[in-house]
All heavy atoms as atom14 arrays in JSON, in Angstrom:
{
  "sequence": "PQVERLAGSLRLVRLDRRGHGLSTGTPGLGWAVADLAALCRHLGL",
  "atom14_mask": [
    [1, 1, 1, 1, 1, 1, 1, 0, 0, 0, 0, 0, 0, 0],
    [1, 1, 1, 1, 1, 1, 1, 1, 1, 0, 0, 0, 0, 0],
    [1, 1, 1, 1, 1, 1, 1, 0, 0, 0, 0, 0, 0, 0],
    [1, 1, 1, 1, 1, 1, 1, 1, 1, 0, 0, 0, 0, 0],
    [1, 1, 1, 1, 1, 1, 1, 1, 1, 1, 1, 0, 0, 0],
    [1, 1, 1, 1, 1, 1, 1, 1, 0, 0, 0, 0, 0, 0],
    [1, 1, 1, 1, 1, 0, 0, 0, 0, 0, 0, 0, 0, 0],
    [1, 1, 1, 1, 0, 0, 0, 0, 0, 0, 0, 0, 0, 0],
    [1, 1, 1, 1, 1, 1, 0, 0, 0, 0, 0, 0, 0, 0],
    [1, 1, 1, 1, 1, 1, 1, 1, 0, 0, 0, 0, 0, 0],
    [1, 1, 1, 1, 1, 1, 1, 1, 1, 1, 1, 0, 0, 0],
    [1, 1, 1, 1, 1, 1, 1, 1, 0, 0, 0, 0, 0, 0],
    [1, 1, 1, 1, 1, 1, 1, 0, 0, 0, 0, 0, 0, 0],
    [1, 1, 1, 1, 1, 1, 1, 1, 1, 1, 1, 0, 0, 0],
    [1, 1, 1, 1, 1, 1, 1, 1, 0, 0, 0, 0, 0, 0],
    [1, 1, 1, 1, 1, 1, 1, 1, 0, 0, 0, 0, 0, 0],
    [1, 1, 1, 1, 1, 1, 1, 1, 1, 1, 1, 0, 0, 0],
    [1, 1, 1, 1, 1, 1, 1, 1, 1, 1, 1, 0, 0, 0],
    [1, 1, 1, 1, 0, 0, 0, 0, 0, 0, 0, 0, 0, 0],
    [1, 1, 1, 1, 1, 1, 1, 1, 1, 1, 0, 0, 0, 0],
    [1, 1, 1, 1, 0, 0, 0, 0, 0, 0, 0, 0, 0, 0],
    [1, 1, 1, 1, 1, 1, 1, 1, 0, 0, 0, 0, 0, 0],
    [1, 1, 1, 1, 1, 1, 0, 0, 0, 0, 0, 0, 0, 0],
    [1, 1, 1, 1, 1, 1, 1, 0, 0, 0, 0, 0, 0, 0],
    [1, 1, 1, 1, 0, 0, 0, 0, 0, 0, 0, 0, 0, 0],
    [1, 1, 1, 1, 1, 1, 1, 0, 0, 0, 0, 0, 0, 0],
    [1, 1, 1, 1, 1, 1, 1, 0, 0, 0, 0, 0, 0, 0],
    [1, 1, 1, 1, 0, 0, 0, 0, 0, 0, 0, 0, 0, 0],
    [1, 1, 1, 1, 1, 1, 1, 1, 0, 0, 0, 0, 0, 0],
    [1, 1, 1, 1, 0, 0, 0, 0, 0, 0, 0, 0, 0, 0],
    [1, 1, 1, 1, 1, 1, 1, 1, 1, 1, 1, 1, 1, 1],
    [1, 1, 1, 1, 1, 0, 0, 0, 0, 0, 0, 0, 0, 0],
    [1, 1, 1, 1, 1, 1, 1, 0, 0, 0, 0, 0, 0, 0],
    [1, 1, 1, 1, 1, 0, 0, 0, 0, 0, 0, 0, 0, 0],
    [1, 1, 1, 1, 1, 1, 1, 1, 0, 0, 0, 0, 0, 0],
    [1, 1, 1, 1, 1, 1, 1, 1, 0, 0, 0, 0, 0, 0],
    [1, 1, 1, 1, 1, 0, 0, 0, 0, 0, 0, 0, 0, 0],
    [1, 1, 1, 1, 1, 0, 0, 0, 0, 0, 0, 0, 0, 0],
    [1, 1, 1, 1, 1, 1, 1, 1, 0, 0, 0, 0, 0, 0],
    [1, 1, 1, 1, 1, 1, 0, 0, 0, 0, 0, 0, 0, 0],
    [1, 1, 1, 1, 1, 1, 1, 1, 1, 1, 1, 0, 0, 0],
    [1, 1, 1, 1, 1, 1, 1, 1, 1, 1, 0, 0, 0, 0],
    [1, 1, 1, 1, 1, 1, 1, 1, 0, 0, 0, 0, 0, 0],
    [1, 1, 1, 1, 0, 0, 0, 0, 0, 0, 0, 0, 0, 0],
    [1, 1, 1, 1, 1, 1, 1, 1, 0, 0, 0, 0, 0, 0]
  ],
  "atom14_positions": [
    [[0.82, -1.21, 0.01], [0.02, 0.02, 0.0], [0.84, 1.27, 0.0], [0.51, 2.25, -0.67], [-0.85, -0.09, 1.27], [-0.86, -1.58, 1.58], [0.48, -2.1, 1.12], [0.0, 0.0, 0.0], [0.0, 0.0, 0.0], [0.0, 0.0, 0.0], [0.0, 0.0, 0.0], [0.0, 0.0, 0.0], [0.0, 0.0, 0.0], [0.0, 0.0, 0.0]],
    [[1.96, 1.28, 0.74], [2.8, 2.48, 0.77], [3.51, 2.66, -0.57], [3.66, 3.77, -1.04], [3.82, 2.32, 1.91], [3.22, 2.48, 3.29], [2.56, 1.22, 3.81], [2.64, 0.14, 3.19], [1.91, 1.31, 4.94], [0.0, 0.0, 0.0], [0.0, 0.0, 0.0], [0.0, 0.0, 0.0], [0.0, 0.0, 0.0], [0.0, 0.0, 0.0]],
    [[3.99, 1.56, -1.14], [4.64, 1.64, -2.44], [3.69, 2.19, -3.49], [4.1, 3.03, -4.31], [5.28, 0.3, -2.85], [5.79, 0.33, -4.29], [6.4, -0.11, -1.9], [0.0, 0.0, 0.0], [0.0, 0.0, 0.0], [0.0, 0.0, 0.0], [0.0, 0.0, 0.0], [0.0, 0.0, 0.0], [0.0, 0.0, 0.0], [0.0, 0.0, 0.0]],
    [[2.49, 1.71, -3.48], [1.47, 2.18, -4.45], [1.29, 3.68, -4.38], [1.15, 4.35, -5.42], [0.16, 1.48, -4.11], [-0.91, 1.66, -5.18], [-2.1, 0.78, -4.89], [-1.93, -0.4, -4.54], [-3.24, 1.31, -5.05], [0.0, 0.0, 0.0], [0.0, 0.0, 0.0], [0.0, 0.0, 0.0], [0.0, 0.0, 0.0], [0.0, 0.0, 0.0]],
    [[1.37, 4.24, -3.2], [1.15, 5.7, -3.06], [2.4, 6.53, -3.24], [2.33, 7.72, -3.63], [0.58, 5.96, -1.65], [-0.86, 5.48, -1.49], [-1.37, 5.71, -0.1], [-2.72, 5.21, 0.07], [-3.01, 3.92, 0.35], [-2.03, 3.0, 0.46], [-4.26, 3.56, 0.51], [0.0, 0.0, 0.0], [0.0, 0.0, 0.0], [0.0, 0.0, 0.0]],
    [[3.58, 5.97, -2.94], [4.82, 6.78, -2.89], [5.79, 6.58, -4.06], [6.74, 7.37, -4.21], [5.54, 6.48, -1.56], [4.78, 6.81, -0.29], [5.55, 6.3, 0.93], [4.51, 8.3, -0.2], [0.0, 0.0, 0.0], [0.0, 0.0, 0.0], [0.0, 0.0, 0.0], [0.0, 0.0, 0.0], [0.0, 0.0, 0.0], [0.0, 0.0, 0.0]],
    [[5.6, 5.54, -4.87], [6.59, 5.22, -5.92], [6.71, 6.31, -6.98], [7.69, 6.32, -7.69], [6.27, 3.87, -6.53], [0.0, 0.0, 0.0], [0.0, 0.0, 0.0], [0.0, 0.0, 0.0], [0.0, 0.0, 0.0], [0.0, 0.0, 0.0], [0.0, 0.0, 0.0], [0.0, 0.0, 0.0], [0.0, 0.0, 0.0], [0.0, 0.0, 0.0]],
    [[5.73, 7.22, -7.05], [5.84, 8.28, -8.05], [6.9, 9.31, -7.68], [7.37, 10.06, -8.57], [0.0, 0.0, 0.0], [0.0, 0.0, 0.0], [0.0, 0.0, 0.0], [0.0, 0.0, 0.0], [0.0, 0.0, 0.0], [0.0, 0.0, 0.0], [0.0, 0.0, 0.0], [0.0, 0.0, 0.0], [0.0, 0.0, 0.0], [0.0, 0.0, 0.0]],
    [[7.32, 9.4, -6.4], [8.26, 10.43, -6.01], [9.41, 9.88, -5.21], [10.34, 10.64, -4.87], [7.53, 11.48, -5.19], [6.94, 10.9, -4.02], [0.0, 0.0, 0.0], [0.0, 0.0, 0.0], [0.0, 0.0, 0.0], [0.0, 0.0, 0.0], [0.0, 0.0, 0.0], [0.0, 0.0, 0.0], [0.0, 0.0, 0.0], [0.0, 0.0, 0.0]],
    [[9.42, 8.57, -4.9], [10.5, 8.01, -4.1], [10.9, 6.66, -4.72], [10.11, 5.96, -5.33], [10.03, 7.77, -2.67], [9.72, 8.98, -1.82], [8.97, 8.56, -0.54], [10.94, 9.76, -1.5], [0.0, 0.0, 0.0], [0.0, 0.0, 0.0], [0.0, 0.0, 0.0], [0.0, 0.0, 0.0], [0.0, 0.0, 0.0], [0.0, 0.0, 0.0]],
    [[12.16, 6.29, -4.51], [12.66, 4.95, -4.83], [12.47, 4.11, -3.56], [12.99, 4.45, -2.5], [14.11, 5.02, -5.19], [14.69, 3.67, -5.56], [16.14, 3.76, -5.91], [16.73, 2.49, -6.25], [18.02, 2.3, -6.46], [18.86, 3.31, -6.45], [18.46, 1.11, -6.75], [0.0, 0.0, 0.0], [0.0, 0.0, 0.0], [0.0, 0.0, 0.0]],
    [[11.68, 3.05, -3.67], [11.32, 2.23, -2.52], [11.92, 0.84, -2.67], [11.56, 0.1, -3.62], [9.81, 2.18, -2.35], [9.21, 3.58, -2.18], [7.75, 3.53, -2.48], [9.48, 4.13, -0.8], [0.0, 0.0, 0.0], [0.0, 0.0, 0.0], [0.0, 0.0, 0.0], [0.0, 0.0, 0.0], [0.0, 0.0, 0.0], [0.0, 0.0, 0.0]],
    [[12.85, 0.49, -1.82], [13.53, -0.77, -1.84], [13.01, -1.63, -0.7], [13.0, -1.17, 0.44], [15.05, -0.61, -1.74], [15.76, -1.97, -1.7], [15.58, 0.26, -2.89], [0.0, 0.0, 0.0], [0.0, 0.0, 0.0], [0.0, 0.0, 0.0], [0.0, 0.0, 0.0], [0.0, 0.0, 0.0], [0.0, 0.0, 0.0], [0.0, 0.0, 0.0]],
    [[12.55, -2.86, -1.04], [12.04, -3.74, 0.0], [12.77, -5.07, -0.1], [13.06, -5.53, -1.2], [10.53, -4.01, -0.27], [9.72, -2.75, -0.18], [8.29, -2.97, -0.57], [8.15, -3.14, -2.01], [7.09, -3.68, -2.59], [6.12, -4.16, -1.85], [7.04, -3.73, -3.89], [0.0, 0.0, 0.0], [0.0, 0.0, 0.0], [0.0, 0.0, 0.0]],
    [[12.97, -5.68, 1.07], [13.76, -6.93, 1.16], [12.97, -7.94, 1.99], [12.45, -7.57, 3.05], [15.1, -6.63, 1.83], [15.96, -7.8, 2.29], [16.53, -8.54, 1.1], [17.06, -7.28, 3.21], [0.0, 0.0, 0.0], [0.0, 0.0, 0.0], [0.0, 0.0, 0.0], [0.0, 0.0, 0.0], [0.0, 0.0, 0.0], [0.0, 0.0, 0.0]],
    [[12.9, -9.18, 1.49], [12.44, -10.29, 2.36], [13.66, -10.69, 3.22], [14.64, -11.15, 2.65], [11.98, -11.51, 1.57], [10.54, -11.44, 1.12], [9.79, -10.59, 1.62], [10.17, -12.27, 0.27], [0.0, 0.0, 0.0], [0.0, 0.0, 0.0], [0.0, 0.0, 0.0], [0.0, 0.0, 0.0], [0.0, 0.0, 0.0], [0.0, 0.0, 0.0]],
    [[13.51, -10.58, 4.51], [14.65, -11.0, 5.37], [14.81, -12.51, 5.29], [13.92, -13.24, 4.88], [14.33, -10.58, 6.79], [14.35, -9.07, 6.95], [13.8, -8.6, 8.27], [14.45, -9.26, 9.37], [13.95, -9.26, 10.61], [12.82, -8.61, 10.88], [14.6, -9.85, 11.6], [0.0, 0.0, 0.0], [0.0, 0.0, 0.0], [0.0, 0.0, 0.0]],
    [[15.98, -13.01, 5.61], [16.27, -14.45, 5.56], [15.17, -15.22, 6.31], [14.74, -14.89, 7.38], [17.56, -14.77, 6.32], [18.77, -14.42, 5.54], [20.04, -14.8, 6.31], [21.18, -14.26, 5.6], [22.21, -14.99, 5.26], [22.31, -16.26, 5.58], [23.2, -14.4, 4.57], [0.0, 0.0, 0.0], [0.0, 0.0, 0.0], [0.0, 0.0, 0.0]],
    [[14.73, -16.3, 5.62], [13.72, -17.15, 6.23], [12.29, -16.59, 6.18], [11.42, -17.19, 6.78], [0.0, 0.0, 0.0], [0.0, 0.0, 0.0], [0.0, 0.0, 0.0], [0.0, 0.0, 0.0], [0.0, 0.0, 0.0], [0.0, 0.0, 0.0], [0.0, 0.0, 0.0], [0.0, 0.0, 0.0], [0.0, 0.0, 0.0], [0.0, 0.0, 0.0]],
    [[12.11, -15.47, 5.51], [10.78, -14.87, 5.39], [10.41, -14.71, 3.92], [11.27, -14.52, 3.09], [10.76, -13.49, 6.07], [11.02, -13.55, 7.54], [12.27, -13.54, 8.06], [10.17, -13.64, 8.57], [12.19, -13.61, 9.39], [10.89, -13.67, 9.73], [0.0, 0.0, 0.0], [0.0, 0.0, 0.0], [0.0, 0.0, 0.0], [0.0, 0.0, 0.0]],
    [[9.12, -14.73, 3.63], [8.66, -14.57, 2.22], [9.33, -15.56, 1.34], [9.32, -16.78, 1.65], [0.0, 0.0, 0.0], [0.0, 0.0, 0.0], [0.0, 0.0, 0.0], [0.0, 0.0, 0.0], [0.0, 0.0, 0.0], [0.0, 0.0, 0.0], [0.0, 0.0, 0.0], [0.0, 0.0, 0.0], [0.0, 0.0, 0.0], [0.0, 0.0, 0.0]],
    [[9.94, -15.11, 0.25], [10.62, -16.03, -0.69], [12.12, -16.0, -0.52], [12.84, -16.58, -1.39], [10.25, -15.58, -2.13], [8.78, -15.65, -2.49], [8.52, -15.18, -3.9], [8.21, -17.04, -2.26], [0.0, 0.0, 0.0], [0.0, 0.0, 0.0], [0.0, 0.0, 0.0], [0.0, 0.0, 0.0], [0.0, 0.0, 0.0], [0.0, 0.0, 0.0]],
    [[12.65, -15.48, 0.58], [14.08, -15.56, 0.83], [14.36, -16.86, 1.62], [13.58, -17.31, 2.44], [14.57, -14.36, 1.67], [14.54, -13.21, 0.92], [0.0, 0.0, 0.0], [0.0, 0.0, 0.0], [0.0, 0.0, 0.0], [0.0, 0.0, 0.0], [0.0, 0.0, 0.0], [0.0, 0.0, 0.0], [0.0, 0.0, 0.0], [0.0, 0.0, 0.0]],
    [[15.49, -17.42, 1.32], [15.91, -18.69, 1.97], [16.8, -18.32, 3.18], [17.15, -17.18, 3.39], [16.66, -19.61, 1.01], [17.84, -18.97, 0.53], [15.8, -19.98, -0.16], [0.0, 0.0, 0.0], [0.0, 0.0, 0.0], [0.0, 0.0, 0.0], [0.0, 0.0, 0.0], [0.0, 0.0, 0.0], [0.0, 0.0, 0.0], [0.0, 0.0, 0.0]],
    [[17.22, -19.34, 3.92], [18.15, -19.12, 5.04], [17.44, -19.06, 6.36], [16.21, -19.14, 6.49], [0.0, 0.0, 0.0], [0.0, 0.0, 0.0], [0.0, 0.0, 0.0], [0.0, 0.0, 0.0], [0.0, 0.0, 0.0], [0.0, 0.0, 0.0], [0.0, 0.0, 0.0], [0.0, 0.0, 0.0], [0.0, 0.0, 0.0], [0.0, 0.0, 0.0]],
    [[18.27, -19.0, 7.4], [17.78, -18.95, 8.77], [17.81, -17.53, 9.27], [18.89, -16.86, 9.2], [18.64, -19.84, 9.69], [18.63, -21.16, 9.18], [18.18, -19.82, 11.11], [0.0, 0.0, 0.0], [0.0, 0.0, 0.0], [0.0, 0.0, 0.0], [0.0, 0.0, 0.0], [0.0, 0.0, 0.0], [0.0, 0.0, 0.0], [0.0, 0.0, 0.0]],
    [[16.72, -16.99, 9.83], [16.71, -15.63, 10.27], [17.64, -15.4, 11.44], [17.92, -16.32, 12.21], [15.27, -15.4, 10.73], [14.47, -16.61, 10.33], [15.44, -17.67, 9.99], [0.0, 0.0, 0.0], [0.0, 0.0, 0.0], [0.0, 0.0, 0.0], [0.0, 0.0, 0.0], [0.0, 0.0, 0.0], [0.0, 0.0, 0.0], [0.0, 0.0, 0.0]],
    [[18.1, -14.19, 11.6], [18.9, -13.78, 12.73], [19.24, -12.32, 12.61], [19.41, -11.78, 11.51], [0.0, 0.0, 0.0], [0.0, 0.0, 0.0], [0.0, 0.0, 0.0], [0.0, 0.0, 0.0], [0.0, 0.0, 0.0], [0.0, 0.0, 0.0], [0.0, 0.0, 0.0], [0.0, 0.0, 0.0], [0.0, 0.0, 0.0], [0.0, 0.0, 0.0]],
    [[19.38, -11.61, 13.76], [19.62, -10.21, 13.74], [20.94, -9.87, 13.03], [21.02, -8.93, 12.24], [19.65, -9.68, 15.15], [19.81, -8.13, 15.29], [18.78, -7.37, 14.51], [19.8, -7.71, 16.77], [0.0, 0.0, 0.0], [0.0, 0.0, 0.0], [0.0, 0.0, 0.0], [0.0, 0.0, 0.0], [0.0, 0.0, 0.0], [0.0, 0.0, 0.0]],
    [[21.98, -10.61, 13.3], [23.25, -10.36, 12.63], [23.14, -10.5, 11.14], [23.72, -9.67, 10.39], [0.0, 0.0, 0.0], [0.0, 0.0, 0.0], [0.0, 0.0, 0.0], [0.0, 0.0, 0.0], [0.0, 0.0, 0.0], [0.0, 0.0, 0.0], [0.0, 0.0, 0.0], [0.0, 0.0, 0.0], [0.0, 0.0, 0.0], [0.0, 0.0, 0.0]],
    [[22.45, -11.51, 10.71], [22.26, -11.7, 9.27], [21.43, -10.57, 8.67], [21.7, -10.09, 7.55], [21.56, -13.03, 8.96], [22.44, -14.19, 9.07], [22.27, -15.3, 9.88], [23.65, -14.5, 8.31], [23.29, -16.18, 9.72], [24.16, -15.74, 8.76], [24.37, -13.8, 7.36], [25.3, -16.29, 8.27], [25.49, -14.34, 6.86], [25.98, -15.6, 7.29]],
    [[20.42, -10.13, 9.38], [19.56, -9.04, 8.89], [20.36, -7.79, 8.58], [20.19, -7.17, 7.54], [18.44, -8.76, 9.88], [0.0, 0.0, 0.0], [0.0, 0.0, 0.0], [0.0, 0.0, 0.0], [0.0, 0.0, 0.0], [0.0, 0.0, 0.0], [0.0, 0.0, 0.0], [0.0, 0.0, 0.0], [0.0, 0.0, 0.0], [0.0, 0.0, 0.0]],
    [[21.26, -7.46, 9.47], [22.05, -6.23, 9.32], [23.04, -6.43, 8.14], [23.18, -5.54, 7.26], [22.83, -5.92, 10.63], [23.82, -4.76, 10.41], [21.81, -5.57, 11.71], [0.0, 0.0, 0.0], [0.0, 0.0, 0.0], [0.0, 0.0, 0.0], [0.0, 0.0, 0.0], [0.0, 0.0, 0.0], [0.0, 0.0, 0.0], [0.0, 0.0, 0.0]],
    [[23.73, -7.57, 8.11], [24.68, -7.83, 7.03], [24.0, -7.9, 5.67], [24.56, -7.43, 4.67], [25.46, -9.1, 7.36], [0.0, 0.0, 0.0], [0.0, 0.0, 0.0], [0.0, 0.0, 0.0], [0.0, 0.0, 0.0], [0.0, 0.0, 0.0], [0.0, 0.0, 0.0], [0.0, 0.0, 0.0], [0.0, 0.0, 0.0], [0.0, 0.0, 0.0]],
    [[22.84, -8.54, 5.6], [22.12, -8.65, 4.35], [21.67, -7.29, 3.85], [21.74, -7.01, 2.64], [20.91, -9.59, 4.5], [21.3, -11.05, 4.69], [22.45, -11.42, 4.43], [20.44, -11.83, 5.16], [0.0, 0.0, 0.0], [0.0, 0.0, 0.0], [0.0, 0.0, 0.0], [0.0, 0.0, 0.0], [0.0, 0.0, 0.0], [0.0, 0.0, 0.0]],
    [[21.17, -6.44, 4.75], [20.77, -5.13, 4.35], [21.98, -4.33, 3.82], [21.85, -3.65, 2.77], [20.15, -4.38, 5.54], [19.71, -2.95, 5.29], [18.74, -2.85, 4.13], [19.12, -2.36, 6.54], [0.0, 0.0, 0.0], [0.0, 0.0, 0.0], [0.0, 0.0, 0.0], [0.0, 0.0, 0.0], [0.0, 0.0, 0.0], [0.0, 0.0, 0.0]],
    [[23.08, -4.41, 4.44], [24.31, -3.72, 3.98], [24.69, -4.23, 2.62], [25.06, -3.46, 1.72], [25.42, -3.89, 4.99], [0.0, 0.0, 0.0], [0.0, 0.0, 0.0], [0.0, 0.0, 0.0], [0.0, 0.0, 0.0], [0.0, 0.0, 0.0], [0.0, 0.0, 0.0], [0.0, 0.0, 0.0], [0.0, 0.0, 0.0], [0.0, 0.0, 0.0]],
    [[24.63, -5.53, 2.4], [24.98, -6.13, 1.13], [24.04, -5.67, 0.03], [24.47, -5.38, -1.11], [25.0, -7.66, 1.22], [0.0, 0.0, 0.0], [0.0, 0.0, 0.0], [0.0, 0.0, 0.0], [0.0, 0.0, 0.0], [0.0, 0.0, 0.0], [0.0, 0.0, 0.0], [0.0, 0.0, 0.0], [0.0, 0.0, 0.0], [0.0, 0.0, 0.0]],
    [[22.75, -5.59, 0.34], [21.77, -5.13, -0.69], [22.01, -3.68, -1.02], [22.0, -3.29, -2.21], [20.35, -5.31, -0.15], [19.25, -4.87, -1.12], [19.25, -5.67, -2.39], [17.87, -4.93, -0.46], [0.0, 0.0, 0.0], [0.0, 0.0, 0.0], [0.0, 0.0, 0.0], [0.0, 0.0, 0.0], [0.0, 0.0, 0.0], [0.0, 0.0, 0.0]],
    [[22.29, -2.83, -0.04], [22.59, -1.44, -0.32], [23.83, -1.29, -1.2], [23.82, -0.5, -2.14], [22.73, -0.65, 0.99], [21.19, -0.42, 1.85], [0.0, 0.0, 0.0], [0.0, 0.0, 0.0], [0.0, 0.0, 0.0], [0.0, 0.0, 0.0], [0.0, 0.0, 0.0], [0.0, 0.0, 0.0], [0.0, 0.0, 0.0], [0.0, 0.0, 0.0]],
    [[24.86, -2.06, -0.92], [26.07, -2.05, -1.78], [25.71, -2.48, -3.17], [26.11, -1.88, -4.17], [27.14, -2.95, -1.2], [27.92, -2.33, -0.09], [29.18, -3.16, 0.28], [28.87, -4.56, 0.59], [28.5, -5.0, 1.76], [28.4, -4.18, 2.78], [28.29, -6.29, 1.98], [0.0, 0.0, 0.0], [0.0, 0.0, 0.0], [0.0, 0.0, 0.0]],
    [[24.94, -3.6, -3.31], [24.53, -4.13, -4.6], [23.77, -3.09, -5.45], [23.96, -3.02, -6.68], [23.68, -5.4, -4.35], [23.13, -6.01, -5.59], [23.88, -6.67, -6.52], [21.84, -5.97, -6.09], [23.09, -7.1, -7.49], [21.87, -6.69, -7.25], [0.0, 0.0, 0.0], [0.0, 0.0, 0.0], [0.0, 0.0, 0.0], [0.0, 0.0, 0.0]],
    [[22.94, -2.3, -4.79], [22.1, -1.33, -5.5], [22.76, 0.04, -5.58], [22.21, 1.01, -6.16], [20.75, -1.21, -4.81], [19.9, -2.48, -4.83], [18.62, -2.24, -4.02], [19.57, -2.88, -6.25], [0.0, 0.0, 0.0], [0.0, 0.0, 0.0], [0.0, 0.0, 0.0], [0.0, 0.0, 0.0], [0.0, 0.0, 0.0], [0.0, 0.0, 0.0]],
    [[23.93, 0.22, -4.99], [24.66, 1.48, -5.02], [24.06, 2.54, -4.11], [24.17, 3.73, -4.37], [0.0, 0.0, 0.0], [0.0, 0.0, 0.0], [0.0, 0.0, 0.0], [0.0, 0.0, 0.0], [0.0, 0.0, 0.0], [0.0, 0.0, 0.0], [0.0, 0.0, 0.0], [0.0, 0.0, 0.0], [0.0, 0.0, 0.0], [0.0, 0.0, 0.0]],
    [[23.36, 2.11, -3.04], [22.77, 3.04, -2.1], [23.76, 3.4, -1.03], [24.5, 2.55, -0.56], [21.53, 2.4, -1.46], [20.39, 1.94, -2.36], [19.29, 1.27, -1.6], [19.86, 3.16, -3.14], [0.0, 0.0, 0.0], [0.0, 0.0, 0.0], [0.0, 0.0, 0.0], [0.0, 0.0, 0.0], [0.0, 0.0, 0.0], [0.0, 0.0, 0.0]]
  ]
}
């Protein structure tokens, strides 16, 4: 719902954390932080 309203003026990046949605792996706080940093590097953010 937020993306539907805001994508006209913002770039909205969403991630399925490990073990959630269609992402594989075992969830964990350390992984969540490292995965987010890796995604930001991958996208040049």
